[in-house]
Amino acid sequence: MVVIAVFKSSRPEGKGTMKWFGAAQQRCTVLVLTALQVVICAVWLSTASPTLHKNNQYIHSKIVFECAIGSVAGFSLLLGYIGLLAAVSFLLAFLARNLPDNFNEAKF
């Protein structure tokens, strides 16, 4: 996000965008998004955590234990949130594809 904001702020219409992308704002964004994922995980695991399920119908000569998800809604919410973060990351990478060819973030 910061790299995109730097190049957008060099344009006349984007002069005020860099105040939203300082070091403190980056840390705060990471902490808030991580805390949200921790809360989703904690609620899912505390309300309906996954449990062992003994499957006797699969193979009669062997004992097969499977993982029962517990709450399908909690598991879906967790996977949906991870998918949302991945989609936002993909969108930012898609927006950053038009950066100048001579830009190398690792150079500095």
PDB file of N, CA and C in Angstrom:
ATOM      1  N   MET A   1       0.817  -1.187   0.000  1.00  0.00           N
ATOM      2  CA  MET A   1       0.000   0.000   0.000  1.00  0.00           C
ATOM      3  C   MET A   1       0.863   1.254   0.000  1.00  0.00           C
ATOM      4  N   VAL A   2       1.950   1.209   0.737  1.00  0.00           N
ATOM      5  CA  VAL A   2       2.790   2.393   0.874  1.00  0.00           C
ATOM      6  C   VAL A   2       3.447   2.744  -0.454  1.00  0.00           C
ATOM      7  N   VAL A   3       3.925   1.736  -1.171  1.00  0.00           N
ATOM      8  CA  VAL A   3       4.580   1.988  -2.456  1.00  0.00           C
ATOM      9  C   VAL A   3       3.588   2.600  -3.437  1.00  0.00           C
ATOM     10  N   ILE A   4       2.376   2.077  -3.462  1.00  0.00           N
ATOM     11  CA  ILE A   4       1.354   2.641  -4.343  1.00  0.00           C
ATOM     12  C   ILE A   4       1.038   4.074  -3.918  1.00  0.00           C
ATOM     13  N   ALA A   5       0.930   4.317  -2.598  1.00  0.00           N
ATOM     14  CA  ALA A   5       0.621   5.660  -2.109  1.00  0.00           C
ATOM     15  C   ALA A   5       1.723   6.650  -2.445  1.00  0.00           C
ATOM     16  N   VAL A   6       2.973   6.218  -2.415  1.00  0.00           N
ATOM     17  CA  VAL A   6       4.083   7.117  -2.749  1.00  0.00           C
ATOM     18  C   VAL A   6       3.972   7.572  -4.194  1.00  0.00           C
ATOM     19  N   PHE A   7       3.695   6.651  -5.085  1.00  0.00           N
ATOM     20  CA  PHE A   7       3.592   7.030  -6.491  1.00  0.00           C
ATOM     21  C   PHE A   7       2.317   7.816  -6.776  1.00  0.00           C
ATOM     22  N   LYS A   8       1.247   7.546  -6.043  1.00  0.00           N
ATOM     23  CA  LYS A   8       0.021   8.330  -6.230  1.00  0.00           C
ATOM     24  C   LYS A   8       0.178   9.736  -5.655  1.00  0.00           C
ATOM     25  N   SER A   9       0.966   9.895  -4.592  1.00  0.00           N
ATOM     26  CA  SER A   9       1.124  11.205  -3.972  1.00  0.00           C
ATOM     27  C   SER A   9       2.014  12.125  -4.797  1.00  0.00           C
ATOM     28  N   SER A  10       2.755  11.578  -5.738  1.00  0.00           N
ATOM     29  CA  SER A  10       3.574  12.431  -6.595  1.00  0.00           C
ATOM     30  C   SER A  10       2.723  13.170  -7.617  1.00  0.00           C
ATOM     31  N   ARG A  11       1.490  12.753  -7.787  1.00  0.00           N
ATOM     32  CA  ARG A  11       0.563  13.448  -8.679  1.00  0.00           C
ATOM     33  C   ARG A  11      -0.088  14.609  -7.922  1.00  0.00           C
ATOM     34  N   PRO A  12      -0.561  15.628  -8.629  1.00  0.00           N
ATOM     35  CA  PRO A  12      -1.146  16.794  -7.945  1.00  0.00           C
ATOM     36  C   PRO A  12      -2.391  16.470  -7.116  1.00  0.00           C
ATOM     37  N   GLU A  13      -3.199  15.508  -7.534  1.00  0.00           N
ATOM     38  CA  GLU A  13      -4.430  15.204  -6.795  1.00  0.00           C
ATOM     39  C   GLU A  13      -4.194  14.330  -5.570  1.00  0.00           C
ATOM     40  N   GLY A  14      -2.988  13.831  -5.380  1.00  0.00           N
ATOM     41  CA  GLY A  14      -2.728  12.905  -4.279  1.00  0.00           C
ATOM     42  C   GLY A  14      -1.767  13.426  -3.241  1.00  0.00           C
ATOM     43  N   LYS A  15      -1.718  14.724  -3.024  1.00  0.00           N
ATOM     44  CA  LYS A  15      -0.746  15.287  -2.083  1.00  0.00           C
ATOM     45  C   LYS A  15      -1.016  14.889  -0.636  1.00  0.00           C
ATOM     46  N   GLY A  16      -2.266  14.700  -0.239  1.00  0.00           N
ATOM     47  CA  GLY A  16      -2.574  14.404   1.157  1.00  0.00           C
ATOM     48  C   GLY A  16      -2.607  12.935   1.505  1.00  0.00           C
ATOM     49  N   THR A  17      -2.274  12.058   0.573  1.00  0.00           N
ATOM     50  CA  THR A  17      -2.415  10.628   0.844  1.00  0.00           C
ATOM     51  C   THR A  17      -1.320  10.065   1.734  1.00  0.00           C
ATOM     52  N   MET A  18      -0.154  10.668   1.751  1.00  0.00           N
ATOM     53  CA  MET A  18       0.958  10.087   2.522  1.00  0.00           C
ATOM     54  C   MET A  18       0.763  10.217   4.027  1.00  0.00           C
ATOM     55  N   LYS A  19      -0.102  11.124   4.479  1.00  0.00           N
ATOM     56  CA  LYS A  19      -0.320  11.238   5.923  1.00  0.00           C
ATOM     57  C   LYS A  19      -1.032  10.006   6.479  1.00  0.00           C
ATOM     58  N   TRP A  20      -1.663   9.211   5.619  1.00  0.00           N
ATOM     59  CA  TRP A  20      -2.371   8.003   6.053  1.00  0.00           C
ATOM     60  C   TRP A  20      -1.492   6.760   6.018  1.00  0.00           C
ATOM     61  N   PHE A  21      -0.241   6.877   5.558  1.00  0.00           N
ATOM     62  CA  PHE A  21       0.595   5.692   5.378  1.00  0.00           C
ATOM     63  C   PHE A  21       1.938   5.820   6.074  1.00  0.00           C
ATOM     64  N   GLY A  22       1.963   6.371   7.268  1.00  0.00           N
ATOM     65  CA  GLY A  22       3.191   6.460   8.039  1.00  0.00           C
ATOM     66  C   GLY A  22       3.505   5.131   8.711  1.00  0.00           C
ATOM     67  N   ALA A  23       4.605   5.083   9.425  1.00  0.00           N
ATOM     68  CA  ALA A  23       5.018   3.845  10.104  1.00  0.00           C
ATOM     69  C   ALA A  23       4.016   3.447  11.186  1.00  0.00           C
ATOM     70  N   ALA A  24       3.507   4.426  11.921  1.00  0.00           N
ATOM     71  CA  ALA A  24       2.541   4.117  12.983  1.00  0.00           C
ATOM     72  C   ALA A  24       1.239   3.566  12.397  1.00  0.00           C
ATOM     73  N   GLN A  25       0.790   4.120  11.285  1.00  0.00           N
ATOM     74  CA  GLN A  25      -0.442   3.636  10.661  1.00  0.00           C
ATOM     75  C   GLN A  25      -0.267   2.224  10.102  1.00  0.00           C
ATOM     76  N   GLN A  26       0.913   1.931   9.582  1.00  0.00           N
ATOM     77  CA  GLN A  26       1.169   0.580   9.076  1.00  0.00           C
ATOM     78  C   GLN A  26       1.150  -0.435  10.207  1.00  0.00           C
ATOM     79  N   ARG A  27       1.805  -0.109  11.303  1.00  0.00           N
ATOM     80  CA  ARG A  27       1.805  -1.019  12.453  1.00  0.00           C
ATOM     81  C   ARG A  27       0.398  -1.200  13.008  1.00  0.00           C
ATOM     82  N   CYS A  28      -0.343  -0.111  13.077  1.00  0.00           N
ATOM     83  CA  CYS A  28      -1.707  -0.174  13.599  1.00  0.00           C
ATOM     84  C   CYS A  28      -2.594  -1.033  12.701  1.00  0.00           C
ATOM     85  N   THR A  29      -2.443  -0.904  11.398  1.00  0.00           N
ATOM     86  CA  THR A  29      -3.233  -1.710  10.463  1.00  0.00           C
ATOM     87  C   THR A  29      -2.938  -3.193  10.641  1.00  0.00           C
ATOM     88  N   VAL A  30      -1.671  -3.538  10.745  1.00  0.00           N
ATOM     89  CA  VAL A  30      -1.292  -4.940  10.928  1.00  0.00           C
ATOM     90  C   VAL A  30      -1.817  -5.468  12.257  1.00  0.00           C
ATOM     91  N   LEU A  31      -1.688  -4.686  13.313  1.00  0.00           N
ATOM     92  CA  LEU A  31      -2.167  -5.127  14.629  1.00  0.00           C
ATOM     93  C   LEU A  31      -3.684  -5.296  14.656  1.00  0.00           C
ATOM     94  N   VAL A  32      -4.419  -4.378  14.045  1.00  0.00           N
ATOM     95  CA  VAL A  32      -5.884  -4.472  14.036  1.00  0.00           C
ATOM     96  C   VAL A  32      -6.347  -5.679  13.221  1.00  0.00           C
ATOM     97  N   LEU A  33      -5.764  -5.876  12.038  1.00  0.00           N
ATOM     98  CA  LEU A  33      -6.175  -7.013  11.212  1.00  0.00           C
ATOM     99  C   LEU A  33      -5.805  -8.349  11.853  1.00  0.00           C
ATOM    100  N   THR A  34      -4.648  -8.399  12.516  1.00  0.00           N
ATOM    101  CA  THR A  34      -4.256  -9.620  13.212  1.00  0.00           C
ATOM    102  C   THR A  34      -5.141  -9.866  14.429  1.00  0.00           C
ATOM    103  N   ALA A  35      -5.454  -8.799  15.159  1.00  0.00           N
ATOM    104  CA  ALA A  35      -6.322  -8.936  16.333  1.00  0.00           C
ATOM    105  C   ALA A  35      -7.709  -9.414  15.921  1.00  0.00           C
ATOM    106  N   LEU A  36      -8.202  -8.933  14.790  1.00  0.00           N
ATOM    107  CA  LEU A  36      -9.506  -9.392  14.310  1.00  0.00           C
ATOM    108  C   LEU A  36      -9.485 -10.884  13.999  1.00  0.00           C
ATOM    109  N   GLN A  37      -8.412 -11.356  13.391  1.00  0.00           N
ATOM    110  CA  GLN A  37      -8.303 -12.786  13.103  1.00  0.00           C
ATOM    111  C   GLN A  37      -8.176 -13.601  14.396  1.00  0.00           C
ATOM    112  N   VAL A  38      -7.452 -13.095  15.368  1.00  0.00           N
ATOM    113  CA  VAL A  38      -7.326 -13.785  16.657  1.00  0.00           C
ATOM    114  C   VAL A  38      -8.682 -13.855  17.354  1.00  0.00           C
ATOM    115  N   VAL A  39      -9.461 -12.783  17.289  1.00  0.00           N
ATOM    116  CA  VAL A  39     -10.787 -12.784  17.905  1.00  0.00           C
ATOM    117  C   VAL A  39     -11.693 -13.796  17.216  1.00  0.00           C
ATOM    118  N   ILE A  40     -11.674 -13.837  15.890  1.00  0.00           N
ATOM    119  CA  ILE A  40     -12.497 -14.813  15.162  1.00  0.00           C
ATOM    120  C   ILE A  40     -12.101 -16.234  15.556  1.00  0.00           C
ATOM    121  N   CYS A  41     -10.798 -16.511  15.619  1.00  0.00           N
ATOM    122  CA  CYS A  41     -10.325 -17.844  16.007  1.00  0.00           C
ATOM    123  C   CYS A  41     -10.733 -18.173  17.447  1.00  0.00           C
ATOM    124  N   ALA A  42     -10.572 -17.205  18.352  1.00  0.00           N
ATOM    125  CA  ALA A  42     -10.891 -17.457  19.760  1.00  0.00           C
ATOM    126  C   ALA A  42     -12.379 -17.716  19.955  1.00  0.00           C
ATOM    127  N   VAL A  43     -13.215 -16.954  19.270  1.00  0.00           N
ATOM    128  CA  VAL A  43     -14.661 -17.168  19.396  1.00  0.00           C
ATOM    129  C   VAL A  43     -15.045 -18.521  18.826  1.00  0.00           C
ATOM    130  N   TRP A  44     -14.481 -18.860  17.667  1.00  0.00           N
ATOM    131  CA  TRP A  44     -14.810 -20.151  17.060  1.00  0.00           C
ATOM    132  C   TRP A  44     -14.351 -21.306  17.942  1.00  0.00           C
ATOM    133  N   LEU A  45     -13.121 -21.231  18.452  1.00  0.00           N
ATOM    134  CA  LEU A  45     -12.600 -22.331  19.261  1.00  0.00           C
ATOM    135  C   LEU A  45     -13.250 -22.410  20.636  1.00  0.00           C
ATOM    136  N   SER A  46     -13.705 -21.289  21.192  1.00  0.00           N
ATOM    137  CA  SER A  46     -14.330 -21.333  22.511  1.00  0.00           C
ATOM    138  C   SER A  46     -15.795 -21.741  22.452  1.00  0.00           C
ATOM    139  N   THR A  47     -16.477 -21.433  21.355  1.00  0.00           N
ATOM    140  CA  THR A  47     -17.895 -21.788  21.280  1.00  0.00           C
ATOM    141  C   THR A  47     -18.113 -23.202  20.758  1.00  0.00           C
ATOM    142  N   ALA A  48     -17.474 -23.555  19.684  1.00  0.00           N
ATOM    143  CA  ALA A  48     -17.676 -24.883  19.092  1.00  0.00           C
ATOM    144  C   ALA A  48     -16.370 -25.327  18.458  1.00  0.00           C
ATOM    145  N   SER A  49     -15.464 -25.774  19.271  1.00  0.00           N
ATOM    146  CA  SER A  49     -14.153 -26.169  18.760  1.00  0.00           C
ATOM    147  C   SER A  49     -14.234 -27.513  18.030  1.00  0.00           C
ATOM    148  N   PRO A  50     -13.276 -27.774  17.164  1.00  0.00           N
ATOM    149  CA  PRO A  50     -13.238 -29.070  16.481  1.00  0.00           C
ATOM    150  C   PRO A  50     -13.024 -30.209  17.483  1.00  0.00           C
ATOM    151  N   THR A  51     -13.647 -31.316  17.215  1.00  0.00           N
ATOM    152  CA  THR A  51     -13.535 -32.480  18.102  1.00  0.00           C
ATOM    153  C   THR A  51     -13.212 -33.724  17.287  1.00  0.00           C
ATOM    154  N   LEU A  52     -12.778 -34.753  17.994  1.00  0.00           N
ATOM    155  CA  LEU A  52     -12.534 -36.041  17.346  1.00  0.00           C
ATOM    156  C   LEU A  52     -13.851 -36.770  17.144  1.00  0.00           C
ATOM    157  N   HIS A  53     -13.948 -37.435  16.013  1.00  0.00           N
ATOM    158  CA  HIS A  53     -15.138 -38.214  15.704  1.00  0.00           C
ATOM    159  C   HIS A  53     -14.678 -39.593  15.248  1.00  0.00           C
ATOM    160  N   LYS A  54     -15.158 -40.617  15.950  1.00  0.00           N
ATOM    161  CA  LYS A  54     -14.792 -41.989  15.596  1.00  0.00           C
ATOM    162  C   LYS A  54     -15.707 -42.476  14.477  1.00  0.00           C
ATOM    163  N   ASN A  55     -15.105 -42.829  13.336  1.00  0.00           N
ATOM    164  CA  ASN A  55     -15.857 -43.274  12.174  1.00  0.00           C
ATOM    165  C   ASN A  55     -15.783 -44.793  12.105  1.00  0.00           C
ATOM    166  N   ASN A  56     -16.899 -45.451  12.413  1.00  0.00           N
ATOM    167  CA  ASN A  56     -16.943 -46.916  12.388  1.00  0.00           C
ATOM    168  C   ASN A  56     -17.404 -47.460  11.046  1.00  0.00           C
ATOM    169  N   GLN A  57     -18.002 -46.621  10.220  1.00  0.00           N
ATOM    170  CA  GLN A  57     -18.544 -47.108   8.951  1.00  0.00           C
ATOM    171  C   GLN A  57     -17.501 -47.132   7.831  1.00  0.00           C
ATOM    172  N   TYR A  58     -16.409 -46.439   7.956  1.00  0.00           N
ATOM    173  CA  TYR A  58     -15.439 -46.339   6.868  1.00  0.00           C
ATOM    174  C   TYR A  58     -14.731 -47.670   6.634  1.00  0.00           C
ATOM    175  N   ILE A  59     -14.003 -48.133   7.629  1.00  0.00           N
ATOM    176  CA  ILE A  59     -13.327 -49.436   7.569  1.00  0.00           C
ATOM    177  C   ILE A  59     -13.605 -50.133   8.900  1.00  0.00           C
ATOM    178  N   HIS A  60     -14.179 -51.323   8.843  1.00  0.00           N
ATOM    179  CA  HIS A  60     -14.551 -52.009  10.074  1.00  0.00           C
ATOM    180  C   HIS A  60     -13.355 -52.615  10.802  1.00  0.00           C
ATOM    181  N   SER A  61     -12.286 -52.930  10.092  1.00  0.00           N
ATOM    182  CA  SER A  61     -11.144 -53.574  10.730  1.00  0.00           C
ATOM    183  C   SER A  61     -10.173 -52.573  11.354  1.00  0.00           C
ATOM    184  N   LYS A  62     -10.336 -51.280  11.077  1.00  0.00           N
ATOM    185  CA  LYS A  62      -9.456 -50.260  11.625  1.00  0.00           C
ATOM    186  C   LYS A  62     -10.275 -49.186  12.323  1.00  0.00           C
ATOM    187  N   ILE A  63      -9.658 -48.558  13.306  1.00  0.00           N
ATOM    188  CA  ILE A  63     -10.283 -47.432  13.984  1.00  0.00           C
ATOM    189  C   ILE A  63      -9.840 -46.164  13.264  1.00  0.00           C
ATOM    190  N   VAL A  64     -10.811 -45.407  12.770  1.00  0.00           N
ATOM    191  CA  VAL A  64     -10.531 -44.180  12.034  1.00  0.00           C
ATOM    192  C   VAL A  64     -11.103 -43.000  12.823  1.00  0.00           C
ATOM    193  N   PHE A  65     -10.234 -42.062  13.184  1.00  0.00           N
ATOM    194  CA  PHE A  65     -10.676 -40.843  13.841  1.00  0.00           C
ATOM    195  C   PHE A  65     -10.636 -39.708  12.833  1.00  0.00           C
ATOM    196  N   GLU A  66     -11.712 -38.956  12.781  1.00  0.00           N
ATOM    197  CA  GLU A  66     -11.811 -37.812  11.893  1.00  0.00           C
ATOM    198  C   GLU A  66     -12.013 -36.550  12.724  1.00  0.00           C
ATOM    199  N   CYS A  67     -11.739 -35.439  12.134  1.00  0.00           N
ATOM    200  CA  CYS A  67     -11.921 -34.151  12.796  1.00  0.00           C
ATOM    201  C   CYS A  67     -13.282 -33.594  12.407  1.00  0.00           C
ATOM    202  N   ALA A  68     -14.146 -33.446  13.389  1.00  0.00           N
ATOM    203  CA  ALA A  68     -15.436 -32.789  13.160  1.00  0.00           C
ATOM    204  C   ALA A  68     -15.243 -31.297  13.371  1.00  0.00           C
ATOM    205  N   ILE A  69     -15.618 -30.501  12.397  1.00  0.00           N
ATOM    206  CA  ILE A  69     -15.326 -29.068  12.397  1.00  0.00           C
ATOM    207  C   ILE A  69     -15.923 -28.367  13.605  1.00  0.00           C
ATOM    208  N   GLY A  70     -17.034 -28.799  14.092  1.00  0.00           N
ATOM    209  CA  GLY A  70     -17.696 -28.105  15.190  1.00  0.00           C
ATOM    210  C   GLY A  70     -18.707 -27.141  14.614  1.00  0.00           C
ATOM    211  N   SER A  71     -18.350 -25.887  14.518  1.00  0.00           N
ATOM    212  CA  SER A  71     -19.221 -24.866  13.952  1.00  0.00           C
ATOM    213  C   SER A  71     -18.801 -24.588  12.514  1.00  0.00           C
ATOM    214  N   VAL A  72     -19.660 -24.923  11.592  1.00  0.00           N
ATOM    215  CA  VAL A  72     -19.364 -24.671  10.184  1.00  0.00           C
ATOM    216  C   VAL A  72     -19.347 -23.168   9.914  1.00  0.00           C
ATOM    217  N   ALA A  73     -20.211 -22.432  10.609  1.00  0.00           N
ATOM    218  CA  ALA A  73     -20.258 -20.978  10.420  1.00  0.00           C
ATOM    219  C   ALA A  73     -18.953 -20.320  10.874  1.00  0.00           C
ATOM    220  N   GLY A  74     -18.423 -20.748  12.021  1.00  0.00           N
ATOM    221  CA  GLY A  74     -17.164 -20.179  12.513  1.00  0.00           C
ATOM    222  C   GLY A  74     -16.000 -20.510  11.596  1.00  0.00           C
ATOM    223  N   PHE A  75     -15.950 -21.740  11.142  1.00  0.00           N
ATOM    224  CA  PHE A  75     -14.883 -22.149  10.222  1.00  0.00           C
ATOM    225  C   PHE A  75     -14.992 -21.386   8.903  1.00  0.00           C
ATOM    226  N   SER A  76     -16.210 -21.223   8.408  1.00  0.00           N
ATOM    227  CA  SER A  76     -16.418 -20.486   7.163  1.00  0.00           C
ATOM    228  C   SER A  76     -16.057 -19.015   7.323  1.00  0.00           C
ATOM    229  N   LEU A  77     -16.388 -18.436   8.473  1.00  0.00           N
ATOM    230  CA  LEU A  77     -16.045 -17.042   8.729  1.00  0.00           C
ATOM    231  C   LEU A  77     -14.533 -16.854   8.766  1.00  0.00           C
ATOM    232  N   LEU A  78     -13.837 -17.780   9.406  1.00  0.00           N
ATOM    233  CA  LEU A  78     -12.379 -17.710   9.470  1.00  0.00           C
ATOM    234  C   LEU A  78     -11.757 -17.837   8.081  1.00  0.00           C
ATOM    235  N   LEU A  79     -12.195 -18.811   7.309  1.00  0.00           N
ATOM    236  CA  LEU A  79     -11.664 -18.967   5.949  1.00  0.00           C
ATOM    237  C   LEU A  79     -12.052 -17.799   5.054  1.00  0.00           C
ATOM    238  N   GLY A  80     -13.248 -17.267   5.246  1.00  0.00           N
ATOM    239  CA  GLY A  80     -13.674 -16.106   4.478  1.00  0.00           C
ATOM    240  C   GLY A  80     -12.830 -14.882   4.780  1.00  0.00           C
ATOM    241  N   TYR A  81     -12.467 -14.685   6.042  1.00  0.00           N
ATOM    242  CA  TYR A  81     -11.629 -13.549   6.418  1.00  0.00           C
ATOM    243  C   TYR A  81     -10.225 -13.694   5.824  1.00  0.00           C
ATOM    244  N   ILE A  82      -9.675 -14.895   5.877  1.00  0.00           N
ATOM    245  CA  ILE A  82      -8.365 -15.133   5.271  1.00  0.00           C
ATOM    246  C   ILE A  82      -8.446 -14.915   3.756  1.00  0.00           C
ATOM    247  N   GLY A  83      -9.532 -15.357   3.137  1.00  0.00           N
ATOM    248  CA  GLY A  83      -9.730 -15.134   1.711  1.00  0.00           C
ATOM    249  C   GLY A  83      -9.863 -13.658   1.378  1.00  0.00           C
ATOM    250  N   LEU A  84     -10.525 -12.888   2.252  1.00  0.00           N
ATOM    251  CA  LEU A  84     -10.647 -11.448   2.054  1.00  0.00           C
ATOM    252  C   LEU A  84      -9.282 -10.771   2.101  1.00  0.00           C
ATOM    253  N   LEU A  85      -8.454 -11.160   3.076  1.00  0.00           N
ATOM    254  CA  LEU A  85      -7.102 -10.598   3.156  1.00  0.00           C
ATOM    255  C   LEU A  85      -6.282 -10.945   1.910  1.00  0.00           C
ATOM    256  N   ALA A  86      -6.441 -12.175   1.422  1.00  0.00           N
ATOM    257  CA  ALA A  86      -5.725 -12.581   0.211  1.00  0.00           C
ATOM    258  C   ALA A  86      -6.217 -11.798  -1.002  1.00  0.00           C
ATOM    259  N   ALA A  87      -7.523 -11.561  -1.092  1.00  0.00           N
ATOM    260  CA  ALA A  87      -8.074 -10.801  -2.213  1.00  0.00           C
ATOM    261  C   ALA A  87      -7.595  -9.352  -2.192  1.00  0.00           C
ATOM    262  N   VAL A  88      -7.527  -8.750  -1.004  1.00  0.00           N
ATOM    263  CA  VAL A  88      -7.031  -7.377  -0.896  1.00  0.00           C
ATOM    264  C   VAL A  88      -5.557  -7.323  -1.276  1.00  0.00           C
ATOM    265  N   SER A  89      -4.781  -8.310  -0.858  1.00  0.00           N
ATOM    266  CA  SER A  89      -3.366  -8.357  -1.231  1.00  0.00           C
ATOM    267  C   SER A  89      -3.209  -8.503  -2.739  1.00  0.00           C
ATOM    268  N   PHE A  90      -4.030  -9.330  -3.347  1.00  0.00           N
ATOM    269  CA  PHE A  90      -3.991  -9.492  -4.801  1.00  0.00           C
ATOM    270  C   PHE A  90      -4.357  -8.189  -5.499  1.00  0.00           C
ATOM    271  N   LEU A  91      -5.370  -7.493  -4.981  1.00  0.00           N
ATOM    272  CA  LEU A  91      -5.773  -6.220  -5.570  1.00  0.00           C
ATOM    273  C   LEU A  91      -4.649  -5.192  -5.493  1.00  0.00           C
ATOM    274  N   LEU A  92      -3.965  -5.126  -4.352  1.00  0.00           N
ATOM    275  CA  LEU A  92      -2.851  -4.191  -4.212  1.00  0.00           C
ATOM    276  C   LEU A  92      -1.697  -4.558  -5.146  1.00  0.00           C
ATOM    277  N   ALA A  93      -1.424  -5.835  -5.315  1.00  0.00           N
ATOM    278  CA  ALA A  93      -0.388  -6.255  -6.255  1.00  0.00           C
ATOM    279  C   ALA A  93      -0.792  -5.921  -7.687  1.00  0.00           C
ATOM    280  N   PHE A  94      -2.082  -6.045  -7.980  1.00  0.00           N
ATOM    281  CA  PHE A  94      -2.574  -5.703  -9.312  1.00  0.00           C
ATOM    282  C   PHE A  94      -2.432  -4.207  -9.574  1.00  0.00           C
ATOM    283  N   LEU A  95      -2.709  -3.385  -8.565  1.00  0.00           N
ATOM    284  CA  LEU A  95      -2.564  -1.940  -8.717  1.00  0.00           C
ATOM    285  C   LEU A  95      -1.099  -1.525  -8.824  1.00  0.00           C
ATOM    286  N   ALA A  96      -0.210  -2.285  -8.193  1.00  0.00           N
ATOM    287  CA  ALA A  96       1.215  -1.941  -8.210  1.00  0.00           C
ATOM    288  C   ALA A  96       1.921  -2.411  -9.477  1.00  0.00           C
ATOM    289  N   ARG A  97       1.235  -3.094 -10.345  1.00  0.00           N
ATOM    290  CA  ARG A  97       1.896  -3.606 -11.555  1.00  0.00           C
ATOM    291  C   ARG A  97       2.284  -2.499 -12.511  1.00  0.00           C
ATOM    292  N   ASN A  98       1.671  -1.333 -12.391  1.00  0.00           N
ATOM    293  CA  ASN A  98       1.952  -0.234 -13.309  1.00  0.00           C
ATOM    294  C   ASN A  98       3.027   0.715 -12.790  1.00  0.00           C
ATOM    295  N   LEU A  99       3.784   0.293 -11.811  1.00  0.00           N
ATOM    296  CA  LEU A  99       4.853   1.153 -11.300  1.00  0.00           C
ATOM    297  C   LEU A  99       5.955   1.261 -12.350  1.00  0.00           C
ATOM    298  N   PRO A 100       6.751   2.317 -12.277  1.00  0.00           N
ATOM    299  CA  PRO A 100       7.819   2.459 -13.268  1.00  0.00           C
ATOM    300  C   PRO A 100       8.776   1.273 -13.252  1.00  0.00           C
ATOM    301  N   ASP A 101       9.337   0.962 -14.403  1.00  0.00           N
ATOM    302  CA  ASP A 101      10.238  -0.190 -14.523  1.00  0.00           C
ATOM    303  C   ASP A 101      11.542   0.002 -13.762  1.00  0.00           C
ATOM    304  N   ASN A 102      11.961   1.230 -13.582  1.00  0.00           N
ATOM    305  CA  ASN A 102      13.225   1.466 -12.883  1.00  0.00           C
ATOM    306  C   ASN A 102      13.062   1.475 -11.368  1.00  0.00           C
ATOM    307  N   PHE A 103      11.841   1.265 -10.863  1.00  0.00           N
ATOM    308  CA  PHE A 103      11.626   1.220  -9.415  1.00  0.00           C
ATOM    309  C   PHE A 103      12.015  -0.128  -8.869  1.00  0.00           C
ATOM    310  N   ASN A 104      12.871  -0.121  -7.841  1.00  0.00           N
ATOM    311  CA  ASN A 104      13.302  -1.352  -7.194  1.00  0.00           C
ATOM    312  C   ASN A 104      13.253  -1.116  -5.693  1.00  0.00           C
ATOM    313  N   GLU A 105      12.262  -1.691  -5.038  1.00  0.00           N
ATOM    314  CA  GLU A 105      12.085  -1.473  -3.605  1.00  0.00           C
ATOM    315  C   GLU A 105      13.242  -2.064  -2.794  1.00  0.00           C
ATOM    316  N   ALA A 106      13.816  -3.134  -3.261  1.00  0.00           N
ATOM    317  CA  ALA A 106      14.892  -3.783  -2.518  1.00  0.00           C
ATOM    318  C   ALA A 106      16.225  -3.055  -2.658  1.00  0.00           C
ATOM    319  N   LYS A 107      16.295  -2.098  -3.552  1.00  0.00           N
ATOM    320  CA  LYS A 107      17.551  -1.385  -3.805  1.00  0.00           C
ATOM    321  C   LYS A 107      18.022  -0.626  -2.561  1.00  0.00           C
ATOM    322  N   PHE A 108      17.092  -0.085  -1.778  1.00  0.00           N
ATOM    323  CA  PHE A 108      17.464   0.722  -0.636  1.00  0.00           C
ATOM    324  C   PHE A 108      17.364  -0.084   0.640  1.00  0.00           C
TER     325      PHE A 108
END
